[in-house]
Amino acid sequence: MTIRIARPGLLAAALLGAPLSSCISVKAPDKPIEINLNVTIRQEVLVRLQRDVEQLINQNPQAFPPKKP
């Protein structure tokens, strides 16, 4: 009588992984998680400045003459 295992790799992984399952622990970090959002704020400031500059140029065309080709 011969016993045939359909997936020997899966069986081997389960047998080798069983002792390691007790080593895994999950705990909360001691320090709070800090997310840095400086990039988003900087982009918003640049867009606002660009709009302000465009309005300034449109309001004072004599101060900012167009470039000649």
N, C-alpha and C. Protein backbone atom coordinates (compact mmCIF):
# COMPACT_ATOMS: atom_id res chain seq x y z
N MET A 1 0.84 -1.17 0.00
CA MET A 1 0.00 0.00 0.00
C MET A 1 0.90 1.24 0.00
N THR A 2 0.67 2.13 -0.99
CA THR A 2 1.48 3.34 -1.13
C THR A 2 0.58 4.55 -0.94
N ILE A 3 1.05 5.52 -0.13
CA ILE A 3 0.31 6.77 0.08
C ILE A 3 0.98 7.84 -0.78
N ARG A 4 0.17 8.48 -1.60
CA ARG A 4 0.71 9.51 -2.49
C ARG A 4 0.23 10.88 -1.99
N ILE A 5 1.16 11.81 -1.82
CA ILE A 5 0.84 13.16 -1.37
C ILE A 5 0.73 14.05 -2.60
N ALA A 6 -0.40 14.73 -2.74
CA ALA A 6 -0.67 15.52 -3.94
C ALA A 6 0.28 16.72 -4.05
N ARG A 7 0.54 17.40 -2.97
CA ARG A 7 1.39 18.59 -2.98
C ARG A 7 2.42 18.49 -1.86
N PRO A 8 3.55 17.86 -2.14
CA PRO A 8 4.55 17.68 -1.08
C PRO A 8 5.18 19.01 -0.64
N GLY A 9 5.26 19.99 -1.55
CA GLY A 9 5.83 21.30 -1.17
C GLY A 9 4.99 22.01 -0.15
N LEU A 10 3.68 21.93 -0.29
CA LEU A 10 2.77 22.57 0.64
C LEU A 10 2.86 21.91 2.02
N LEU A 11 2.97 20.60 2.02
CA LEU A 11 3.10 19.88 3.28
C LEU A 11 4.42 20.24 3.97
N ALA A 12 5.49 20.35 3.19
CA ALA A 12 6.80 20.70 3.76
C ALA A 12 6.78 22.11 4.33
N ALA A 13 6.14 23.04 3.63
CA ALA A 13 6.06 24.42 4.12
C ALA A 13 5.26 24.49 5.41
N ALA A 14 4.19 23.71 5.49
CA ALA A 14 3.38 23.71 6.71
C ALA A 14 4.15 23.13 7.89
N LEU A 15 4.90 22.06 7.64
CA LEU A 15 5.66 21.44 8.72
C LEU A 15 6.81 22.32 9.19
N LEU A 16 7.46 23.01 8.25
CA LEU A 16 8.57 23.89 8.63
C LEU A 16 8.08 25.21 9.24
N GLY A 17 6.91 25.66 8.83
CA GLY A 17 6.39 26.92 9.32
C GLY A 17 5.72 26.82 10.67
N ALA A 18 5.32 25.65 11.08
CA ALA A 18 4.62 25.47 12.36
C ALA A 18 5.45 25.94 13.55
N PRO A 19 6.74 25.57 13.67
CA PRO A 19 7.50 26.05 14.83
C PRO A 19 7.73 27.55 14.81
N LEU A 20 7.74 28.16 13.64
CA LEU A 20 8.00 29.60 13.56
C LEU A 20 6.78 30.44 13.89
N SER A 21 5.60 29.86 13.87
CA SER A 21 4.39 30.64 14.11
C SER A 21 4.33 31.20 15.53
N SER A 22 4.96 30.58 16.47
CA SER A 22 4.93 31.08 17.84
C SER A 22 5.90 32.23 18.05
N CYS A 23 6.81 32.49 17.10
CA CYS A 23 7.81 33.55 17.23
C CYS A 23 7.28 34.90 16.79
N ILE A 24 6.20 34.94 16.07
CA ILE A 24 5.67 36.19 15.53
C ILE A 24 4.84 36.87 16.60
N SER A 25 5.16 38.16 16.85
CA SER A 25 4.37 38.94 17.80
C SER A 25 4.08 40.31 17.19
N VAL A 26 2.91 40.82 17.48
CA VAL A 26 2.48 42.12 16.98
C VAL A 26 2.18 42.98 18.19
N LYS A 27 2.82 44.16 18.23
CA LYS A 27 2.53 45.08 19.33
C LYS A 27 2.56 46.51 18.81
N ALA A 28 1.90 47.39 19.50
CA ALA A 28 1.84 48.80 19.11
C ALA A 28 3.19 49.47 19.34
N PRO A 29 3.57 50.42 18.49
CA PRO A 29 4.85 51.10 18.69
C PRO A 29 4.81 51.99 19.93
N ASP A 30 6.00 52.24 20.49
CA ASP A 30 6.10 53.09 21.68
C ASP A 30 5.85 54.55 21.33
N LYS A 31 6.34 54.98 20.17
CA LYS A 31 6.18 56.37 19.74
C LYS A 31 5.00 56.46 18.77
N PRO A 32 4.35 57.62 18.72
CA PRO A 32 3.25 57.78 17.75
C PRO A 32 3.81 57.81 16.33
N ILE A 33 3.00 57.38 15.39
CA ILE A 33 3.41 57.38 13.98
C ILE A 33 3.31 58.81 13.45
N GLU A 34 4.38 59.29 12.81
CA GLU A 34 4.41 60.64 12.28
C GLU A 34 4.38 60.58 10.76
N ILE A 35 3.45 61.32 10.17
CA ILE A 35 3.34 61.39 8.72
C ILE A 35 3.69 62.81 8.30
N ASN A 36 4.68 62.94 7.44
CA ASN A 36 5.16 64.24 7.01
C ASN A 36 4.42 64.66 5.74
N LEU A 37 3.68 65.78 5.80
CA LEU A 37 2.89 66.24 4.66
C LEU A 37 3.43 67.56 4.09
N ASN A 38 4.70 67.84 4.29
CA ASN A 38 5.27 69.09 3.80
C ASN A 38 5.17 69.23 2.29
N VAL A 39 5.26 68.15 1.55
CA VAL A 39 5.23 68.21 0.09
C VAL A 39 3.89 68.74 -0.39
N THR A 40 2.80 68.26 0.17
CA THR A 40 1.47 68.69 -0.25
C THR A 40 1.27 70.17 0.04
N ILE A 41 1.68 70.61 1.19
CA ILE A 41 1.52 72.02 1.57
C ILE A 41 2.37 72.90 0.66
N ARG A 42 3.55 72.49 0.34
CA ARG A 42 4.44 73.29 -0.50
C ARG A 42 3.86 73.43 -1.90
N GLN A 43 3.29 72.37 -2.44
CA GLN A 43 2.69 72.44 -3.77
C GLN A 43 1.53 73.42 -3.78
N GLU A 44 0.73 73.42 -2.72
CA GLU A 44 -0.40 74.33 -2.66
C GLU A 44 0.08 75.77 -2.62
N VAL A 45 1.13 76.06 -1.87
CA VAL A 45 1.68 77.41 -1.77
C VAL A 45 2.22 77.85 -3.13
N LEU A 46 2.90 76.97 -3.84
CA LEU A 46 3.44 77.32 -5.16
C LEU A 46 2.33 77.63 -6.16
N VAL A 47 1.25 76.88 -6.11
CA VAL A 47 0.12 77.14 -7.01
C VAL A 47 -0.50 78.49 -6.69
N ARG A 48 -0.66 78.80 -5.42
CA ARG A 48 -1.23 80.10 -5.04
C ARG A 48 -0.32 81.25 -5.48
N LEU A 49 0.98 81.08 -5.30
CA LEU A 49 1.92 82.13 -5.72
C LEU A 49 1.88 82.30 -7.23
N GLN A 50 1.79 81.22 -7.96
CA GLN A 50 1.73 81.30 -9.42
C GLN A 50 0.48 82.05 -9.87
N ARG A 51 -0.64 81.79 -9.24
CA ARG A 51 -1.88 82.50 -9.58
C ARG A 51 -1.76 83.99 -9.26
N ASP A 52 -1.16 84.30 -8.11
CA ASP A 52 -0.97 85.70 -7.73
C ASP A 52 -0.07 86.42 -8.72
N VAL A 53 0.98 85.76 -9.17
CA VAL A 53 1.90 86.37 -10.14
C VAL A 53 1.20 86.59 -11.47
N GLU A 54 0.41 85.63 -11.92
CA GLU A 54 -0.33 85.79 -13.17
C GLU A 54 -1.29 86.98 -13.09
N GLN A 55 -1.97 87.14 -11.96
CA GLN A 55 -2.87 88.28 -11.78
C GLN A 55 -2.09 89.59 -11.79
N LEU A 56 -0.93 89.61 -11.14
CA LEU A 56 -0.11 90.81 -11.09
C LEU A 56 0.36 91.20 -12.49
N ILE A 57 0.77 90.24 -13.29
CA ILE A 57 1.23 90.52 -14.65
C ILE A 57 0.06 91.03 -15.50
N ASN A 58 -1.10 90.44 -15.36
CA ASN A 58 -2.26 90.88 -16.13
C ASN A 58 -2.73 92.28 -15.72
N GLN A 59 -2.58 92.63 -14.46
CA GLN A 59 -3.00 93.95 -13.97
C GLN A 59 -2.00 95.03 -14.34
N ASN A 60 -0.73 94.69 -14.52
CA ASN A 60 0.33 95.65 -14.82
C ASN A 60 1.12 95.23 -16.07
N PRO A 61 0.51 95.27 -17.24
CA PRO A 61 1.23 94.81 -18.43
C PRO A 61 2.42 95.69 -18.78
N GLN A 62 2.41 96.97 -18.41
CA GLN A 62 3.54 97.85 -18.72
C GLN A 62 4.77 97.50 -17.89
N ALA A 63 4.58 96.94 -16.72
CA ALA A 63 5.71 96.56 -15.87
C ALA A 63 6.34 95.25 -16.33
N PHE A 64 5.56 94.43 -17.03
CA PHE A 64 6.05 93.15 -17.51
C PHE A 64 5.77 93.01 -19.00
N PRO A 65 6.56 93.66 -19.86
CA PRO A 65 6.30 93.57 -21.30
C PRO A 65 6.55 92.16 -21.83
N PRO A 66 5.77 91.72 -22.81
CA PRO A 66 5.96 90.38 -23.35
C PRO A 66 7.30 90.26 -24.06
N LYS A 67 7.87 89.07 -24.07
CA LYS A 67 9.14 88.84 -24.74
C LYS A 67 8.93 88.85 -26.24
N LYS A 68 9.89 89.44 -26.95
CA LYS A 68 9.83 89.46 -28.41
C LYS A 68 10.58 88.26 -28.95
N PRO A 69 10.03 87.61 -29.98
CA PRO A 69 10.69 86.41 -30.51
C PRO A 69 11.99 86.67 -31.21
